[in-house]
Amino acid sequence: MSKAEWEAIDPKIRDMVVAAFKMAEIDFERDFIVPDTTETEKTTTSPWLTREEAARYSKCSTDTIDNWIAKGYIVRAKLDASKPGGVLIDRASLEKFLRSKVENPKKRVRKTAQSVQGGYRVTRRVD
């Protein structure tokens, strides 16, 4: 159920529903109410992101995005002169770069640590 549909229901009925689910130890509003999508969430199908959107998507700062652009890690497109500083980031190149930075946990090998009695040391497997 969407949040708008939930809020359209009479508050007394909503309270009864929440109370009934609470008796079963279920948080109805958290588990069953879907928040309404905002405009930025609706436009996520675009192949281009602004610097700010790319920073939010990769959970880093816009300065980091600028550094990745300067080093050629991700593809950007410069907008025309009427929008100074207007830069769009290619979503596919950003995703490809981020995936390349994820370490594969299967490449880690557990070895007995000599310095710790009964301990283990995790090292990288050399193929």
N, C-alpha and C. Protein backbone atom coordinates (compact mmCIF):
# COMPACT_ATOMS: atom_id res chain seq x y z
N MET A 1 0.85 -1.16 0.00
CA MET A 1 0.00 0.00 0.00
C MET A 1 0.90 1.23 0.00
N SER A 2 0.53 2.20 -0.80
CA SER A 2 1.33 3.43 -0.85
C SER A 2 1.03 4.31 0.35
N LYS A 3 1.93 5.21 0.63
CA LYS A 3 1.76 6.11 1.76
C LYS A 3 0.54 7.00 1.56
N ALA A 4 0.30 7.44 0.32
CA ALA A 4 -0.86 8.30 0.04
C ALA A 4 -2.17 7.55 0.31
N GLU A 5 -2.22 6.26 -0.09
CA GLU A 5 -3.43 5.47 0.16
C GLU A 5 -3.63 5.27 1.67
N TRP A 6 -2.54 5.01 2.38
CA TRP A 6 -2.60 4.80 3.82
C TRP A 6 -3.11 6.05 4.53
N GLU A 7 -2.62 7.22 4.13
CA GLU A 7 -3.03 8.46 4.78
C GLU A 7 -4.46 8.86 4.42
N ALA A 8 -5.01 8.30 3.34
CA ALA A 8 -6.38 8.60 2.95
C ALA A 8 -7.40 7.85 3.83
N ILE A 9 -6.94 6.84 4.54
CA ILE A 9 -7.83 6.06 5.43
C ILE A 9 -8.08 6.85 6.71
N ASP A 10 -9.28 6.69 7.26
CA ASP A 10 -9.67 7.36 8.49
C ASP A 10 -8.64 7.06 9.60
N PRO A 11 -8.16 8.08 10.32
CA PRO A 11 -7.14 7.86 11.36
C PRO A 11 -7.54 6.84 12.43
N LYS A 12 -8.83 6.75 12.76
CA LYS A 12 -9.26 5.78 13.76
C LYS A 12 -9.06 4.35 13.25
N ILE A 13 -9.35 4.14 11.98
CA ILE A 13 -9.17 2.81 11.38
C ILE A 13 -7.68 2.48 11.28
N ARG A 14 -6.88 3.48 10.90
CA ARG A 14 -5.42 3.27 10.83
C ARG A 14 -4.88 2.86 12.20
N ASP A 15 -5.34 3.53 13.27
CA ASP A 15 -4.88 3.20 14.62
C ASP A 15 -5.26 1.77 15.00
N MET A 16 -6.48 1.33 14.60
CA MET A 16 -6.90 -0.04 14.90
C MET A 16 -6.02 -1.05 14.16
N VAL A 17 -5.72 -0.77 12.90
CA VAL A 17 -4.88 -1.68 12.11
C VAL A 17 -3.48 -1.77 12.72
N VAL A 18 -2.91 -0.63 13.06
CA VAL A 18 -1.58 -0.61 13.67
C VAL A 18 -1.58 -1.36 14.99
N ALA A 19 -2.63 -1.17 15.80
CA ALA A 19 -2.72 -1.85 17.09
C ALA A 19 -2.84 -3.36 16.90
N ALA A 20 -3.64 -3.80 15.92
CA ALA A 20 -3.80 -5.24 15.66
C ALA A 20 -2.48 -5.88 15.25
N PHE A 21 -1.74 -5.22 14.37
CA PHE A 21 -0.45 -5.75 13.94
C PHE A 21 0.58 -5.69 15.08
N LYS A 22 0.46 -4.69 15.95
CA LYS A 22 1.39 -4.57 17.07
C LYS A 22 1.22 -5.75 18.03
N MET A 23 -0.03 -6.25 18.17
CA MET A 23 -0.25 -7.41 19.03
C MET A 23 0.49 -8.63 18.48
N ALA A 24 0.65 -8.69 17.17
CA ALA A 24 1.40 -9.78 16.54
C ALA A 24 2.88 -9.43 16.43
N GLU A 25 3.29 -8.33 17.08
CA GLU A 25 4.68 -7.85 17.07
C GLU A 25 5.18 -7.55 15.65
N ILE A 26 4.31 -6.91 14.87
CA ILE A 26 4.65 -6.49 13.51
C ILE A 26 4.44 -4.99 13.42
N ASP A 27 5.45 -4.29 12.89
CA ASP A 27 5.33 -2.85 12.67
C ASP A 27 4.70 -2.65 11.28
N PHE A 28 3.39 -2.44 11.26
CA PHE A 28 2.66 -2.37 9.98
C PHE A 28 3.17 -1.24 9.09
N GLU A 29 3.35 -0.05 9.65
CA GLU A 29 3.75 1.10 8.84
C GLU A 29 5.14 0.91 8.25
N ARG A 30 6.05 0.30 9.00
CA ARG A 30 7.40 0.09 8.49
C ARG A 30 7.44 -1.03 7.45
N ASP A 31 6.68 -2.12 7.68
CA ASP A 31 6.78 -3.30 6.83
C ASP A 31 5.85 -3.29 5.61
N PHE A 32 4.74 -2.56 5.68
CA PHE A 32 3.75 -2.67 4.61
C PHE A 32 3.43 -1.37 3.88
N ILE A 33 3.90 -0.24 4.37
CA ILE A 33 3.62 1.03 3.70
C ILE A 33 4.82 1.40 2.83
N VAL A 34 4.58 1.56 1.54
CA VAL A 34 5.63 1.91 0.60
C VAL A 34 5.65 3.43 0.45
N PRO A 35 6.81 4.06 0.68
CA PRO A 35 6.85 5.52 0.55
C PRO A 35 6.63 5.95 -0.90
N ASP A 36 6.02 7.11 -1.06
CA ASP A 36 5.78 7.65 -2.39
C ASP A 36 7.12 7.99 -3.03
N THR A 37 7.22 7.76 -4.36
CA THR A 37 8.47 8.07 -5.06
C THR A 37 8.52 9.56 -5.35
N THR A 38 9.71 10.11 -5.27
CA THR A 38 9.89 11.53 -5.58
C THR A 38 10.27 11.66 -7.05
N GLU A 39 10.36 12.87 -7.52
CA GLU A 39 10.71 13.11 -8.92
C GLU A 39 12.09 12.57 -9.26
N THR A 40 13.06 12.69 -8.35
CA THR A 40 14.40 12.21 -8.65
C THR A 40 14.43 10.69 -8.75
N GLU A 41 13.59 9.99 -7.98
CA GLU A 41 13.54 8.55 -8.08
C GLU A 41 12.88 8.09 -9.38
N LYS A 42 11.95 8.88 -9.90
CA LYS A 42 11.28 8.51 -11.14
C LYS A 42 12.19 8.64 -12.35
N THR A 43 13.17 9.51 -12.30
CA THR A 43 14.03 9.76 -13.45
C THR A 43 15.33 8.96 -13.39
N THR A 44 15.40 7.91 -12.57
CA THR A 44 16.63 7.15 -12.43
C THR A 44 16.92 6.26 -13.63
N THR A 45 16.04 6.20 -14.60
CA THR A 45 16.28 5.37 -15.77
C THR A 45 17.16 6.07 -16.80
N SER A 46 17.47 7.31 -16.59
CA SER A 46 18.32 8.04 -17.53
C SER A 46 19.74 7.48 -17.49
N PRO A 47 20.40 7.42 -18.65
CA PRO A 47 21.78 6.93 -18.67
C PRO A 47 22.77 7.97 -18.15
N TRP A 48 22.30 9.16 -17.82
CA TRP A 48 23.18 10.23 -17.37
C TRP A 48 22.84 10.66 -15.96
N LEU A 49 23.87 11.02 -15.20
CA LEU A 49 23.71 11.53 -13.84
C LEU A 49 24.44 12.86 -13.72
N THR A 50 23.93 13.75 -12.89
CA THR A 50 24.67 14.96 -12.58
C THR A 50 25.80 14.58 -11.62
N ARG A 51 26.72 15.50 -11.39
CA ARG A 51 27.81 15.22 -10.45
C ARG A 51 27.27 14.91 -9.06
N GLU A 52 26.25 15.65 -8.64
CA GLU A 52 25.67 15.45 -7.32
C GLU A 52 24.97 14.09 -7.23
N GLU A 53 24.23 13.71 -8.28
CA GLU A 53 23.57 12.41 -8.29
C GLU A 53 24.59 11.28 -8.29
N ALA A 54 25.66 11.44 -9.07
CA ALA A 54 26.72 10.43 -9.11
C ALA A 54 27.39 10.29 -7.75
N ALA A 55 27.59 11.42 -7.07
CA ALA A 55 28.21 11.38 -5.74
C ALA A 55 27.30 10.67 -4.75
N ARG A 56 25.99 10.97 -4.80
CA ARG A 56 25.04 10.30 -3.92
C ARG A 56 24.99 8.80 -4.22
N TYR A 57 24.97 8.46 -5.52
CA TYR A 57 24.88 7.07 -5.95
C TYR A 57 26.09 6.27 -5.48
N SER A 58 27.28 6.87 -5.57
CA SER A 58 28.50 6.15 -5.19
C SER A 58 28.90 6.42 -3.75
N LYS A 59 28.09 7.20 -3.03
CA LYS A 59 28.33 7.52 -1.62
C LYS A 59 29.71 8.12 -1.39
N CYS A 60 30.01 9.15 -2.17
CA CYS A 60 31.27 9.87 -2.02
C CYS A 60 30.99 11.35 -2.29
N SER A 61 32.03 12.18 -2.30
CA SER A 61 31.84 13.61 -2.52
C SER A 61 31.92 13.94 -4.01
N THR A 62 31.46 15.13 -4.37
CA THR A 62 31.57 15.57 -5.77
C THR A 62 33.03 15.78 -6.14
N ASP A 63 33.88 16.11 -5.17
CA ASP A 63 35.31 16.24 -5.46
C ASP A 63 35.91 14.91 -5.88
N THR A 64 35.47 13.83 -5.26
CA THR A 64 35.93 12.50 -5.65
C THR A 64 35.47 12.18 -7.06
N ILE A 65 34.24 12.53 -7.40
CA ILE A 65 33.74 12.33 -8.76
C ILE A 65 34.60 13.11 -9.74
N ASP A 66 34.94 14.35 -9.40
CA ASP A 66 35.81 15.16 -10.28
C ASP A 66 37.18 14.51 -10.46
N ASN A 67 37.72 13.94 -9.39
CA ASN A 67 39.02 13.26 -9.48
C ASN A 67 38.93 12.04 -10.40
N TRP A 68 37.85 11.27 -10.28
CA TRP A 68 37.68 10.10 -11.14
C TRP A 68 37.55 10.51 -12.60
N ILE A 69 36.88 11.63 -12.85
CA ILE A 69 36.76 12.14 -14.22
C ILE A 69 38.13 12.53 -14.74
N ALA A 70 38.89 13.28 -13.93
CA ALA A 70 40.21 13.76 -14.35
C ALA A 70 41.16 12.60 -14.65
N LYS A 71 41.04 11.51 -13.90
CA LYS A 71 41.92 10.35 -14.12
C LYS A 71 41.40 9.44 -15.23
N GLY A 72 40.20 9.73 -15.75
CA GLY A 72 39.65 8.95 -16.85
C GLY A 72 38.97 7.66 -16.42
N TYR A 73 38.66 7.53 -15.14
CA TYR A 73 38.00 6.32 -14.65
C TYR A 73 36.54 6.25 -15.08
N ILE A 74 35.89 7.41 -15.19
CA ILE A 74 34.48 7.44 -15.60
C ILE A 74 34.32 8.42 -16.75
N VAL A 75 33.29 8.20 -17.54
CA VAL A 75 33.03 9.01 -18.74
C VAL A 75 32.09 10.15 -18.36
N ARG A 76 32.40 11.34 -18.87
CA ARG A 76 31.55 12.50 -18.64
C ARG A 76 31.27 13.20 -19.95
N ALA A 77 30.20 13.95 -19.96
CA ALA A 77 29.85 14.77 -21.13
C ALA A 77 29.68 16.20 -20.64
N LYS A 78 30.31 17.12 -21.33
CA LYS A 78 30.23 18.54 -20.97
C LYS A 78 29.05 19.14 -21.72
N LEU A 79 28.23 19.88 -21.00
CA LEU A 79 27.10 20.56 -21.62
C LEU A 79 27.59 21.80 -22.35
N ASP A 80 26.72 22.40 -23.14
CA ASP A 80 27.13 23.56 -23.94
C ASP A 80 27.50 24.76 -23.06
N ALA A 81 28.02 25.79 -23.68
CA ALA A 81 28.54 26.96 -22.97
C ALA A 81 27.46 27.72 -22.22
N SER A 82 26.20 27.53 -22.57
CA SER A 82 25.13 28.25 -21.87
C SER A 82 24.97 27.77 -20.42
N LYS A 83 25.50 26.60 -20.11
CA LYS A 83 25.47 26.08 -18.74
C LYS A 83 26.90 25.87 -18.28
N PRO A 84 27.54 26.92 -17.80
CA PRO A 84 28.93 26.76 -17.37
C PRO A 84 29.05 25.77 -16.23
N GLY A 85 30.01 24.88 -16.35
CA GLY A 85 30.22 23.87 -15.32
C GLY A 85 29.27 22.70 -15.43
N GLY A 86 28.40 22.68 -16.42
CA GLY A 86 27.43 21.60 -16.57
C GLY A 86 28.10 20.33 -17.06
N VAL A 87 28.11 19.31 -16.22
CA VAL A 87 28.74 18.03 -16.55
C VAL A 87 27.76 16.92 -16.25
N LEU A 88 27.66 15.97 -17.16
CA LEU A 88 26.85 14.78 -16.94
C LEU A 88 27.76 13.56 -16.92
N ILE A 89 27.48 12.64 -16.03
CA ILE A 89 28.27 11.43 -15.85
C ILE A 89 27.53 10.27 -16.48
N ASP A 90 28.24 9.44 -17.25
CA ASP A 90 27.66 8.24 -17.84
C ASP A 90 27.45 7.20 -16.74
N ARG A 91 26.20 6.82 -16.52
CA ARG A 91 25.85 5.90 -15.44
C ARG A 91 26.56 4.55 -15.62
N ALA A 92 26.61 4.03 -16.84
CA ALA A 92 27.21 2.72 -17.09
C ALA A 92 28.70 2.72 -16.74
N SER A 93 29.41 3.80 -17.10
CA SER A 93 30.83 3.85 -16.79
C SER A 93 31.07 3.97 -15.29
N LEU A 94 30.19 4.69 -14.60
CA LEU A 94 30.32 4.81 -13.15
C LEU A 94 30.08 3.46 -12.48
N GLU A 95 29.04 2.75 -12.91
CA GLU A 95 28.77 1.44 -12.34
C GLU A 95 29.91 0.46 -12.62
N LYS A 96 30.45 0.50 -13.84
CA LYS A 96 31.56 -0.38 -14.19
C LYS A 96 32.78 -0.08 -13.32
N PHE A 97 33.07 1.20 -13.11
CA PHE A 97 34.20 1.57 -12.27
C PHE A 97 33.98 1.14 -10.83
N LEU A 98 32.78 1.37 -10.30
CA LEU A 98 32.51 0.98 -8.91
C LEU A 98 32.59 -0.53 -8.73
N ARG A 99 32.10 -1.28 -9.71
CA ARG A 99 32.18 -2.75 -9.62
C ARG A 99 33.63 -3.23 -9.65
N SER A 100 34.48 -2.52 -10.39
CA SER A 100 35.89 -2.92 -10.45
C SER A 100 36.59 -2.70 -9.12
N LYS A 101 36.05 -1.84 -8.28
CA LYS A 101 36.65 -1.55 -6.98
C LYS A 101 36.19 -2.49 -5.88
N VAL A 102 35.18 -3.31 -6.15
CA VAL A 102 34.68 -4.25 -5.15
C VAL A 102 35.61 -5.46 -5.13
N GLU A 103 36.14 -5.75 -3.96
CA GLU A 103 37.04 -6.89 -3.83
C GLU A 103 36.23 -8.17 -3.70
N ASN A 104 36.70 -9.21 -4.33
CA ASN A 104 36.03 -10.49 -4.27
C ASN A 104 36.41 -11.20 -2.97
N PRO A 105 35.47 -11.40 -2.06
CA PRO A 105 35.81 -12.03 -0.78
C PRO A 105 36.25 -13.48 -0.94
N LYS A 106 35.95 -14.12 -2.07
CA LYS A 106 36.35 -15.51 -2.28
C LYS A 106 37.86 -15.63 -2.49
N LYS A 107 38.53 -14.53 -2.79
CA LYS A 107 39.97 -14.57 -3.01
C LYS A 107 40.75 -14.51 -1.70
N ARG A 108 40.04 -14.43 -0.59
CA ARG A 108 40.72 -14.38 0.70
C ARG A 108 40.92 -15.79 1.24
N VAL A 109 42.09 -16.04 1.81
CA VAL A 109 42.42 -17.36 2.31
C VAL A 109 42.73 -17.26 3.79
N ARG A 110 42.25 -18.19 4.54
CA ARG A 110 42.48 -18.19 5.98
C ARG A 110 43.70 -19.06 6.28
N LYS A 111 44.69 -18.49 6.96
CA LYS A 111 45.90 -19.23 7.33
C LYS A 111 46.10 -19.10 8.83
N THR A 112 46.74 -20.08 9.41
CA THR A 112 47.03 -20.04 10.83
C THR A 112 48.07 -18.97 11.10
N ALA A 113 47.80 -18.14 12.09
CA ALA A 113 48.73 -17.08 12.47
C ALA A 113 49.70 -17.63 13.51
N GLN A 114 51.00 -17.49 13.25
CA GLN A 114 52.00 -17.99 14.18
C GLN A 114 52.05 -17.15 15.45
N SER A 115 51.73 -15.87 15.33
CA SER A 115 51.87 -14.97 16.47
C SER A 115 50.74 -15.10 17.48
N VAL A 116 49.61 -15.64 17.07
CA VAL A 116 48.46 -15.76 17.97
C VAL A 116 48.11 -17.23 18.13
N GLN A 117 48.08 -17.69 19.36
CA GLN A 117 47.77 -19.10 19.63
C GLN A 117 46.34 -19.40 19.20
N GLY A 118 46.16 -20.28 18.24
CA GLY A 118 44.84 -20.66 17.77
C GLY A 118 44.16 -19.60 16.92
N GLY A 119 44.90 -18.55 16.52
CA GLY A 119 44.30 -17.48 15.72
C GLY A 119 44.47 -17.70 14.24
N TYR A 120 43.83 -16.88 13.48
CA TYR A 120 43.89 -16.97 12.03
C TYR A 120 44.28 -15.62 11.46
N ARG A 121 44.89 -15.63 10.32
CA ARG A 121 45.24 -14.43 9.60
C ARG A 121 44.63 -14.55 8.21
N VAL A 122 43.94 -13.54 7.76
CA VAL A 122 43.32 -13.54 6.44
C VAL A 122 44.26 -12.83 5.48
N THR A 123 44.62 -13.53 4.42
CA THR A 123 45.51 -12.96 3.40
C THR A 123 44.89 -13.15 2.03
N ARG A 124 45.44 -12.46 1.06
CA ARG A 124 44.97 -12.60 -0.31
C ARG A 124 45.56 -13.86 -0.92
N ARG A 125 44.77 -14.55 -1.69
CA ARG A 125 45.23 -15.73 -2.42
C ARG A 125 45.95 -15.27 -3.66
N VAL A 126 47.09 -15.80 -3.93
CA VAL A 126 47.85 -15.47 -5.13
C VAL A 126 47.58 -16.56 -6.14
N ASP A 127 47.00 -16.17 -7.28
CA ASP A 127 46.66 -17.17 -8.32
C ASP A 127 47.81 -17.37 -9.26
